[in-house]
Amino acid sequence: MTEQKAEKPKRELPLSRQLVNKQTEDVYASAWAAKEKGESIGWSTAIFPQELCETFDVPVLYPENNAASISARHFGNQFIEHTEGEMKYPINICSYARLNMGMADMMKNGKFEGVEPAMPLPTFLCLANNSCTQLMKWYENLSENLSIPIFFVDCLFNYNEEEPDAYKNKYVRSQIENNIAAMEKFFNKKFDWNRFLEVQRISQVNRKLFNEIVALNTRMPAPLDGFDLFNYMSCLVICRGKESTTEILKQLKKEVEEHIANGTSTFRGTEEYRVHWEGIACWPNLGFNLKTLRKYGVNAVMNGYVTAWDVAYEPGDLNGMAKAYQCSSTNSFSTPSIMDMRSKSMKKFACDGMLCHVNRSCKLMSFHIFTGRDIIEARNKIPIVNFDGDQSDTRVFSEAQFENRLQGLVEVMKENKGGK
């Protein structure tokens, strides 16, 4: 008889993670409840002014966040295949878009068999192009296919990265104001400006809390496995204006400070090397990435992607809010500016190297890597390696290549530390 190996008991999630899971479940449940009542439901890009729908108290879900969750659960291929097959879209567009458009089309036509987490079809869309211009075509497709309107904020690119001129802030502010007026008609609700101010205040408390938590990982060894930060991004993406996020982040900060006081860490291994992970996670391959990093004693203590939701402004200042949404995403800046931010961050977090995800779905972010790594190598004097991958499409990533590239990075980092 073949002996069966006993399954290892799963580690209990920290309270902060349990709260994140509960928050996400509640957000999806609220959207499904609205669906059953025939009420409005939105789908939104990740860095659209979330303060608007939060003020109207209308449920909104986020296809980028949803695609990441579905991909991490290995349910995404069926939707990507549908988009490339029946819908005849090419492989070279964003895999988040392929996954989401395929899912929407299958739901519309009764071919959807259900995955978790499943989003109800929306009655409206919220779109801002500050993080990616391909979002416009993605959402135009959804609008056409589902016959629903788009509330759009066109965020201007600052080619010379100057302080945005007054007319640019006025242009974005006018769109926010026009969207508020249009939403009042669409939702048949008056906009509560006092509630709006409170949502702004909560949003700023939450972004500040998250930044403080990220900064705690400058400690050596780091109190957090850097990949843990991916688990809390949803708080800022889908719930930045909610008090539930404040409670989650306060709890997380408490847990991290306890790790610091006790000399412990969520990194399950010995932190021999600290690296900056550049780019979005390979969600379908997250487990392999994590195990392989731990195997070689590498903690990805910092990632510029998890700080992309730092939309900073003074509550009540609509001009400041308009400016913040224009300049919130690294995709609104030049390669030298982005690499300057990365260089400073890697010095602050004492990184020994940089591991760059050449994401086939995110051409602009990958372009920065190829043209900007020379800047980092010259300034920080640390080794950098690239590996091929994708945020949702499993066909691009190679486990062998990832481990091989990581081995090479570790060899150079070890040599730089004197071979110890």
Protein backbone atom coordinates (compact mmCIF):
# COMPACT_ATOMS: atom_id res chain seq x y z
CA MET A 1 0.00 0.00 0.00
CA THR A 2 1.14 3.51 -0.74
CA GLU A 3 1.28 5.70 2.31
CA GLN A 4 -0.64 8.91 1.99
CA LYS A 5 1.10 12.02 3.19
CA ALA A 6 -0.85 13.96 5.76
CA GLU A 7 -1.77 17.41 4.56
CA LYS A 8 -0.12 20.23 6.43
CA PRO A 9 -2.64 22.30 8.35
CA LYS A 10 -3.14 25.73 6.84
CA ARG A 11 -1.77 28.63 8.83
CA GLU A 12 -4.40 30.83 10.33
CA LEU A 13 -4.53 34.18 8.60
CA PRO A 14 -3.70 37.23 10.71
CA LEU A 15 -6.70 39.25 11.81
CA SER A 16 -5.95 42.00 9.26
CA ARG A 17 -6.15 39.49 6.39
CA GLN A 18 -9.39 38.07 7.75
CA LEU A 19 -10.79 41.59 7.81
CA VAL A 20 -9.67 42.17 4.20
CA ASN A 21 -11.45 39.00 3.08
CA LYS A 22 -14.60 40.01 4.96
CA GLN A 23 -14.49 43.51 3.46
CA THR A 24 -14.17 42.14 -0.09
CA GLU A 25 -17.02 39.67 0.48
CA ASP A 26 -19.21 42.52 1.72
CA VAL A 27 -18.43 44.70 -1.31
CA TYR A 28 -19.35 41.91 -3.73
CA ALA A 29 -22.45 40.99 -1.70
CA SER A 30 -23.59 44.62 -1.81
CA ALA A 31 -23.26 44.65 -5.61
CA TRP A 32 -25.21 41.41 -6.01
CA ALA A 33 -27.92 42.69 -3.67
CA ALA A 34 -28.24 45.84 -5.81
CA LYS A 35 -28.45 43.63 -8.90
CA GLU A 36 -31.38 41.70 -7.43
CA LYS A 37 -33.18 44.98 -6.67
CA GLY A 38 -32.57 46.35 -10.17
CA GLU A 39 -30.39 49.16 -8.85
CA SER A 40 -27.27 50.76 -10.35
CA ILE A 41 -23.96 48.86 -10.28
CA GLY A 42 -20.66 50.20 -11.60
CA TRP A 43 -17.44 48.78 -12.94
CA SER A 44 -14.50 51.14 -12.59
CA THR A 45 -10.87 51.51 -13.56
CA ALA A 46 -8.50 51.37 -10.60
CA ILE A 47 -7.65 55.09 -10.30
CA PHE A 48 -10.95 56.74 -11.21
CA PRO A 49 -12.06 59.27 -8.54
CA GLN A 50 -13.68 56.70 -6.24
CA GLU A 51 -14.91 59.49 -4.00
CA LEU A 52 -17.85 60.13 -6.37
CA CYS A 53 -19.66 56.79 -6.25
CA GLU A 54 -18.72 56.36 -2.59
CA THR A 55 -20.56 59.62 -1.87
CA PHE A 56 -23.59 58.46 -3.87
CA ASP A 57 -23.46 55.13 -1.96
CA VAL A 58 -23.64 53.18 -5.21
CA PRO A 59 -21.81 49.81 -5.34
CA VAL A 60 -18.79 49.72 -7.64
CA LEU A 61 -16.51 46.80 -8.52
CA TYR A 62 -13.11 46.92 -10.19
CA PRO A 63 -12.35 44.62 -13.16
CA GLU A 64 -8.57 44.95 -12.72
CA ASN A 65 -8.80 43.81 -9.11
CA ASN A 66 -11.30 41.13 -10.07
CA ALA A 67 -9.08 39.84 -12.89
CA ALA A 68 -6.13 39.61 -10.48
CA SER A 69 -8.23 37.60 -8.00
CA ILE A 70 -9.59 35.26 -10.67
CA SER A 71 -6.10 34.77 -12.13
CA ALA A 72 -4.62 33.97 -8.71
CA ARG A 73 -7.29 31.28 -8.34
CA HIS A 74 -6.39 29.89 -11.81
CA PHE A 75 -9.85 30.52 -13.29
CA GLY A 76 -8.83 33.08 -15.91
CA ASN A 77 -7.87 30.99 -18.94
CA GLN A 78 -11.46 30.17 -19.95
CA PHE A 79 -12.30 33.86 -20.34
CA ILE A 80 -9.07 34.75 -22.12
CA GLU A 81 -9.64 31.87 -24.55
CA HIS A 82 -13.21 33.07 -25.20
CA THR A 83 -12.00 36.60 -26.00
CA GLU A 84 -9.31 35.35 -28.37
CA GLY A 85 -11.60 32.73 -29.88
CA GLU A 86 -15.25 33.70 -30.30
CA MET A 87 -14.65 37.44 -29.87
CA LYS A 88 -11.55 37.34 -32.14
CA TYR A 89 -9.36 39.71 -30.14
CA PRO A 90 -5.56 39.42 -30.50
CA ILE A 91 -3.21 38.00 -27.89
CA ASN A 92 -1.16 41.20 -27.67
CA ILE A 93 -3.73 43.28 -25.77
CA CYS A 94 -3.90 43.45 -21.97
CA SER A 95 -4.79 40.11 -20.38
CA TYR A 96 -6.91 41.88 -17.75
CA ALA A 97 -8.97 43.26 -20.63
CA ARG A 98 -9.14 39.88 -22.38
CA LEU A 99 -10.22 38.17 -19.18
CA ASN A 100 -12.82 40.78 -18.27
CA MET A 101 -14.29 41.26 -21.75
CA GLY A 102 -14.56 37.50 -22.16
CA MET A 103 -16.27 37.12 -18.80
CA ALA A 104 -18.72 39.97 -19.55
CA ASP A 105 -19.58 38.50 -22.95
CA MET A 106 -20.11 35.00 -21.52
CA MET A 107 -22.31 36.39 -18.73
CA LYS A 108 -24.35 38.41 -21.20
CA ASN A 109 -24.92 35.38 -23.44
CA GLY A 110 -25.62 32.86 -20.68
CA LYS A 111 -22.36 30.92 -21.11
CA PHE A 112 -20.92 31.84 -17.71
CA GLU A 113 -20.61 28.86 -15.35
CA GLY A 114 -19.40 30.88 -12.38
CA VAL A 115 -16.07 31.52 -10.68
CA GLU A 116 -15.08 33.30 -7.50
CA PRO A 117 -15.21 36.20 -7.13
CA ALA A 118 -17.96 36.77 -9.72
CA MET A 119 -19.11 40.30 -10.55
CA PRO A 120 -22.67 41.10 -11.59
CA LEU A 121 -22.90 42.84 -14.95
CA PRO A 122 -22.76 46.62 -14.54
CA THR A 123 -25.30 49.28 -15.45
CA PHE A 124 -22.60 51.97 -15.88
CA LEU A 125 -18.82 52.34 -16.19
CA CYS A 126 -16.29 54.71 -14.62
CA LEU A 127 -13.12 55.34 -16.64
CA ALA A 128 -9.95 57.35 -16.03
CA ASN A 129 -6.98 57.06 -18.39
CA ASN A 130 -4.30 58.12 -15.89
CA SER A 131 -2.82 54.64 -15.54
CA CYS A 132 -3.19 53.22 -19.05
CA THR A 133 -4.54 54.49 -22.36
CA GLN A 134 -5.64 50.97 -23.40
CA LEU A 135 -8.30 51.23 -20.69
CA MET A 136 -10.27 53.53 -23.00
CA LYS A 137 -10.63 50.88 -25.72
CA TRP A 138 -11.38 48.18 -23.15
CA TYR A 139 -14.19 50.23 -21.60
CA GLU A 140 -15.51 51.39 -24.96
CA ASN A 141 -15.86 47.71 -25.83
CA LEU A 142 -17.77 47.01 -22.61
CA SER A 143 -19.99 50.04 -23.17
CA GLU A 144 -20.82 48.94 -26.72
CA ASN A 145 -21.30 45.28 -25.85
CA LEU A 146 -23.46 45.94 -22.76
CA SER A 147 -25.19 49.14 -24.02
CA ILE A 148 -24.32 51.14 -20.90
CA PRO A 149 -22.87 54.65 -20.37
CA ILE A 150 -19.33 55.65 -19.35
CA PHE A 151 -18.45 58.37 -16.86
CA PHE A 152 -15.03 59.45 -18.14
CA VAL A 153 -12.19 61.53 -16.66
CA ASP A 154 -9.50 62.42 -19.21
CA CYS A 155 -6.24 62.91 -17.30
CA LEU A 156 -3.63 64.92 -19.16
CA PHE A 157 -0.07 63.70 -19.56
CA ASN A 158 2.63 66.15 -18.52
CA TYR A 159 5.25 65.59 -21.18
CA ASN A 160 7.84 67.79 -19.49
CA GLU A 161 6.67 66.81 -16.00
CA GLU A 162 6.22 70.39 -15.00
CA GLU A 163 3.79 71.44 -12.30
CA PRO A 164 0.46 71.09 -14.14
CA ASP A 165 -0.70 74.41 -15.52
CA ALA A 166 -3.84 75.90 -14.00
CA TYR A 167 -5.86 75.18 -17.15
CA LYS A 168 -5.00 71.47 -16.90
CA ASN A 169 -6.27 71.24 -13.34
CA LYS A 170 -9.34 73.25 -14.35
CA TYR A 171 -9.96 70.82 -17.24
CA VAL A 172 -9.86 67.74 -14.97
CA ARG A 173 -11.86 69.49 -12.23
CA SER A 174 -14.58 70.42 -14.73
CA GLN A 175 -14.87 66.77 -15.74
CA ILE A 176 -15.26 65.70 -12.10
CA GLU A 177 -17.98 68.32 -11.63
CA ASN A 178 -19.70 67.35 -14.89
CA ASN A 179 -19.62 63.69 -13.86
CA ILE A 180 -21.23 64.58 -10.54
CA ALA A 181 -24.07 66.36 -12.39
CA ALA A 182 -24.48 63.49 -14.85
CA MET A 183 -24.47 60.93 -12.04
CA GLU A 184 -27.17 62.86 -10.19
CA LYS A 185 -29.42 62.37 -13.21
CA PHE A 186 -28.41 58.76 -13.80
CA PHE A 187 -28.76 57.67 -10.14
CA ASN A 188 -31.70 60.00 -9.49
CA LYS A 189 -29.93 61.17 -6.31
CA LYS A 190 -28.60 64.49 -5.10
CA PHE A 191 -24.87 64.67 -4.45
CA ASP A 192 -24.15 65.21 -0.74
CA TRP A 193 -21.20 67.61 -0.58
CA ASN A 194 -20.79 67.15 3.18
CA ARG A 195 -20.59 63.39 2.71
CA PHE A 196 -18.12 63.98 -0.15
CA LEU A 197 -15.84 65.91 2.20
CA GLU A 198 -15.99 63.06 4.71
CA VAL A 199 -15.14 60.48 2.03
CA GLN A 200 -12.18 62.63 0.98
CA ARG A 201 -11.01 62.78 4.58
CA ILE A 202 -11.28 59.00 5.03
CA SER A 203 -9.45 58.43 1.74
CA GLN A 204 -6.53 60.57 2.87
CA VAL A 205 -6.35 58.85 6.27
CA ASN A 206 -6.20 55.47 4.52
CA ARG A 207 -3.53 56.38 1.98
CA LYS A 208 -1.38 57.85 4.77
CA LEU A 209 -1.80 54.73 6.91
CA PHE A 210 -0.80 52.47 4.02
CA ASN A 211 2.30 54.56 3.30
CA GLU A 212 3.31 54.33 6.96
CA ILE A 213 2.96 50.53 6.87
CA VAL A 214 5.03 50.23 3.69
CA ALA A 215 7.74 52.42 5.27
CA LEU A 216 8.03 50.00 8.22
CA ASN A 217 9.57 47.47 5.83
CA THR A 218 12.75 49.57 5.77
CA ARG A 219 13.66 47.69 8.98
CA MET A 220 16.31 44.98 8.68
CA PRO A 221 15.24 42.25 8.59
CA ALA A 222 11.90 43.40 7.22
CA PRO A 223 8.85 42.67 9.40
CA LEU A 224 6.83 41.82 6.28
CA ASP A 225 7.33 39.49 3.39
CA GLY A 226 7.05 42.12 0.66
CA PHE A 227 4.53 39.98 -1.23
CA ASP A 228 2.15 40.41 1.72
CA LEU A 229 1.57 43.98 0.57
CA PHE A 230 -0.19 42.62 -2.54
CA ASN A 231 -2.85 41.19 -0.20
CA TYR A 232 -3.79 44.63 1.10
CA MET A 233 -3.89 46.53 -2.20
CA SER A 234 -7.59 45.78 -2.60
CA CYS A 235 -8.30 47.98 0.42
CA LEU A 236 -7.04 50.99 -1.49
CA VAL A 237 -8.26 49.95 -4.93
CA ILE A 238 -11.88 49.11 -4.09
CA CYS A 239 -12.41 50.62 -0.61
CA ARG A 240 -10.12 53.63 -0.24
CA GLY A 241 -13.00 55.84 0.95
CA LYS A 242 -14.40 53.39 3.52
CA GLU A 243 -13.90 53.40 7.29
CA SER A 244 -13.57 49.59 7.16
CA THR A 245 -10.25 50.13 5.37
CA THR A 246 -9.09 52.40 8.19
CA GLU A 247 -9.75 49.63 10.72
CA ILE A 248 -7.95 47.05 8.56
CA LEU A 249 -4.88 49.21 8.12
CA LYS A 250 -4.75 50.12 11.80
CA GLN A 251 -4.82 46.42 12.61
CA LEU A 252 -2.14 45.66 10.01
CA LYS A 253 0.08 48.43 11.37
CA LYS A 254 -0.35 47.02 14.88
CA GLU A 255 0.65 43.54 13.64
CA VAL A 256 3.73 44.87 11.83
CA GLU A 257 4.82 46.87 14.88
CA GLU A 258 4.45 43.70 16.98
CA HIS A 259 6.74 41.87 14.55
CA ILE A 260 9.30 44.66 14.92
CA ALA A 261 9.08 44.58 18.72
CA ASN A 262 9.42 40.77 18.78
CA GLY A 263 12.11 40.56 16.09
CA THR A 264 9.85 38.39 13.92
CA SER A 265 8.66 38.59 10.33
CA THR A 266 6.01 37.19 8.00
CA PHE A 267 8.90 36.23 5.68
CA ARG A 268 9.09 32.47 6.20
CA GLY A 269 12.79 32.05 5.74
CA THR A 270 16.09 33.78 6.40
CA GLU A 271 16.28 37.21 4.79
CA GLU A 272 19.72 37.09 3.18
CA TYR A 273 18.96 39.47 0.31
CA ARG A 274 16.52 42.36 -0.13
CA VAL A 275 15.25 43.21 -3.59
CA HIS A 276 12.87 45.61 -5.26
CA TRP A 277 10.21 43.82 -7.34
CA GLU A 278 9.40 45.97 -10.35
CA GLY A 279 6.01 45.59 -11.95
CA ILE A 280 2.67 43.90 -11.39
CA ALA A 281 2.55 40.46 -9.80
CA CYS A 282 2.31 37.31 -11.93
CA TRP A 283 -0.98 36.45 -10.27
CA PRO A 284 -1.35 32.87 -11.60
CA ASN A 285 2.27 32.15 -10.59
CA LEU A 286 2.33 34.01 -7.29
CA GLY A 287 2.80 30.86 -5.19
CA PHE A 288 5.77 29.68 -7.25
CA ASN A 289 7.37 33.13 -7.20
CA LEU A 290 7.01 33.33 -3.45
CA LYS A 291 8.35 29.85 -2.73
CA THR A 292 11.32 30.35 -5.05
CA LEU A 293 12.24 33.69 -3.50
CA ARG A 294 12.12 32.13 -0.04
CA LYS A 295 14.20 29.20 -1.23
CA TYR A 296 17.06 31.58 -2.05
CA GLY A 297 16.59 33.82 1.00
CA VAL A 298 15.29 36.72 -1.10
CA ASN A 299 12.66 39.07 0.29
CA ALA A 300 11.05 41.45 -2.21
CA VAL A 301 10.72 44.10 0.49
CA MET A 302 9.44 46.84 -1.81
CA ASN A 303 7.34 47.17 -4.97
CA GLY A 304 6.43 50.42 -6.69
CA TYR A 305 3.12 48.93 -7.86
CA VAL A 306 1.65 48.69 -4.38
CA THR A 307 2.17 52.42 -3.85
CA ALA A 308 0.33 53.40 -7.04
CA TRP A 309 -2.80 54.37 -5.09
CA ASP A 310 -1.18 57.29 -3.28
CA VAL A 311 -3.67 59.93 -4.46
CA ALA A 312 -2.73 62.82 -2.16
CA TYR A 313 -4.75 66.04 -1.77
CA GLU A 314 -6.30 68.19 0.95
CA PRO A 315 -9.95 67.30 1.67
CA GLY A 316 -12.17 70.06 0.34
CA ASP A 317 -9.66 71.16 -2.31
CA LEU A 318 -11.22 70.07 -5.61
CA ASN A 319 -8.37 71.62 -7.62
CA GLY A 320 -5.89 69.61 -5.57
CA MET A 321 -7.92 66.46 -6.12
CA ALA A 322 -7.97 67.10 -9.88
CA LYS A 323 -4.21 67.53 -9.87
CA ALA A 324 -3.70 64.39 -7.76
CA TYR A 325 -5.64 62.18 -10.18
CA GLN A 326 -3.69 63.61 -13.12
CA CYS A 327 -0.36 62.81 -11.50
CA SER A 328 -1.20 59.74 -9.43
CA SER A 329 0.11 56.97 -11.65
CA THR A 330 3.70 56.23 -12.62
CA ASN A 331 2.39 55.76 -16.15
CA SER A 332 2.00 59.56 -16.23
CA PHE A 333 5.73 60.15 -15.84
CA SER A 334 8.84 59.72 -17.94
CA THR A 335 11.31 56.89 -17.51
CA PRO A 336 14.00 59.11 -15.86
CA SER A 337 11.48 60.35 -13.28
CA ILE A 338 10.17 56.87 -12.49
CA MET A 339 13.67 55.47 -12.17
CA ASP A 340 14.64 58.39 -9.96
CA MET A 341 11.79 57.39 -7.62
CA ARG A 342 12.88 53.74 -7.79
CA SER A 343 16.51 54.63 -7.11
CA LYS A 344 15.64 56.62 -3.99
CA SER A 345 13.26 53.92 -2.80
CA MET A 346 15.85 51.17 -3.19
CA LYS A 347 18.37 53.15 -1.17
CA LYS A 348 15.77 53.77 1.53
CA PHE A 349 14.87 50.06 1.69
CA ALA A 350 18.53 48.93 1.44
CA CYS A 351 17.88 46.74 -1.60
CA ASP A 352 20.68 44.46 -2.79
CA GLY A 353 19.15 44.00 -6.24
CA MET A 354 16.19 44.55 -8.51
CA LEU A 355 13.93 41.87 -10.01
CA CYS A 356 11.95 43.12 -13.01
CA HIS A 357 8.79 41.51 -14.33
CA VAL A 358 8.67 42.10 -18.08
CA ASN A 359 4.90 41.98 -18.24
CA ARG A 360 3.63 41.20 -21.75
CA SER A 361 0.28 42.77 -20.85
CA CYS A 362 1.73 46.06 -19.68
CA LYS A 363 3.90 47.35 -22.49
CA LEU A 364 4.49 50.79 -21.00
CA MET A 365 5.72 49.49 -17.64
CA SER A 366 7.98 47.01 -19.41
CA PHE A 367 9.35 49.77 -21.64
CA HIS A 368 10.44 51.67 -18.53
CA ILE A 369 12.33 48.59 -17.35
CA PHE A 370 14.32 48.14 -20.55
CA THR A 371 15.25 51.79 -20.89
CA GLY A 372 15.58 52.58 -17.20
CA ARG A 373 17.64 49.77 -15.72
CA ASP A 374 20.87 51.46 -16.82
CA ILE A 375 19.89 54.44 -14.64
CA ILE A 376 19.45 52.20 -11.59
CA GLU A 377 22.65 50.26 -12.19
CA ALA A 378 24.64 53.49 -12.52
CA ARG A 379 23.16 55.16 -9.44
CA ASN A 380 22.64 52.27 -7.05
CA LYS A 381 25.46 49.94 -8.12
CA ILE A 382 23.23 46.89 -7.73
CA PRO A 383 22.48 43.97 -10.07
CA ILE A 384 19.23 43.83 -12.05
CA VAL A 385 17.62 40.90 -13.86
CA ASN A 386 14.50 40.64 -16.01
CA PHE A 387 12.14 37.70 -16.36
CA ASP A 388 9.20 37.21 -18.75
CA GLY A 389 5.68 36.95 -17.42
CA ASP A 390 2.14 38.25 -17.47
CA GLN A 391 -0.41 39.41 -14.94
CA SER A 392 -3.07 36.89 -16.04
CA ASP A 393 -1.97 34.95 -19.14
CA THR A 394 -0.31 31.72 -17.97
CA ARG A 395 1.27 30.98 -21.37
CA VAL A 396 4.04 33.54 -20.99
CA PHE A 397 5.64 32.65 -17.65
CA SER A 398 8.35 29.99 -17.37
CA GLU A 399 9.20 28.56 -13.95
CA ALA A 400 12.63 27.44 -15.20
CA GLN A 401 13.48 30.89 -16.56
CA PHE A 402 12.33 32.63 -13.37
CA GLU A 403 14.47 30.43 -11.12
CA ASN A 404 17.43 30.65 -13.48
CA ARG A 405 17.30 34.45 -13.53
CA LEU A 406 16.88 34.59 -9.76
CA GLN A 407 19.89 32.29 -9.29
CA GLY A 408 21.98 34.66 -11.40
CA LEU A 409 20.81 37.65 -9.37
CA VAL A 410 21.62 35.89 -6.10
CA GLU A 411 25.12 35.01 -7.29
CA VAL A 412 25.93 38.65 -8.02
CA MET A 413 24.32 39.89 -4.78
CA LYS A 414 26.33 37.30 -2.87
CA GLU A 415 29.54 38.45 -4.57
CA ASN A 416 28.72 42.07 -3.75
CA LYS A 417 28.36 41.09 -0.08
CA GLY A 418 31.86 39.62 -0.15
CA GLY A 419 30.78 36.10 -0.91
CA LYS A 420 29.25 35.64 2.54
